[in-house]
């Protein structure tokens, strides 16, 4: 009976295949990793394109609705990465020194809300309502006595009205900044007029499948 346990039955070739095998496995792993990274990058770029298209379409819809209402000059829209900023002059929404929305303010917010909740509107991660004032001191003896109070009260009034008009309450918030976030550092009445404003920062909702890849 032949003894297969004998070393002579398995002649040594003198060739060490392990380095080549390790190199092959390493190359496959590196290739898989690169493909995974490229897939993530491609997905991120595709989502960025979708976000830009969706938010610029929303910007066009808002501007178009205001033009149709004969109010083309009362709102300004600006889009940057995933964020659409809609700016209202304070005189559009409020009377001087007041935080209760008059009829013209309600009409302007209704136009904006209709665009935000339209069937073709994108999903939003957040809608931040920001109130801003100039640096002129308030002279009223009752609330609001300070600019930060006025800016906060106005932001909350806008938030409440947008929610009442059907904007999803789970994504909307309100903040008052007084005169601390100026867009014009001048001291003229024109500078003050530009600084008195309500801004909506509308932030696009990135799908969770992409955000999980973020560090």
Foldseek 3Di string as FASTA:
>chain_A
DDDCVDPVVPDDPPDDCVVVVVVVVVVVVVVVVVVVVVVLVVVVVVVQVVLVVQVVVLVVQLLVLCVVVVNNPQWDWDDDRQKIKIKGFCVQFDDPPDQAGDPSNLVSLLSSLCSCPPPSHADFQAKEKEFEAACDFADDPDPPRGQQRSRQSNQVNSLVSSVVSPDDNVHYDYGYDYHPDAPAPDDDPVSRRRRGIMMIITGGDDDPVSVVPPD
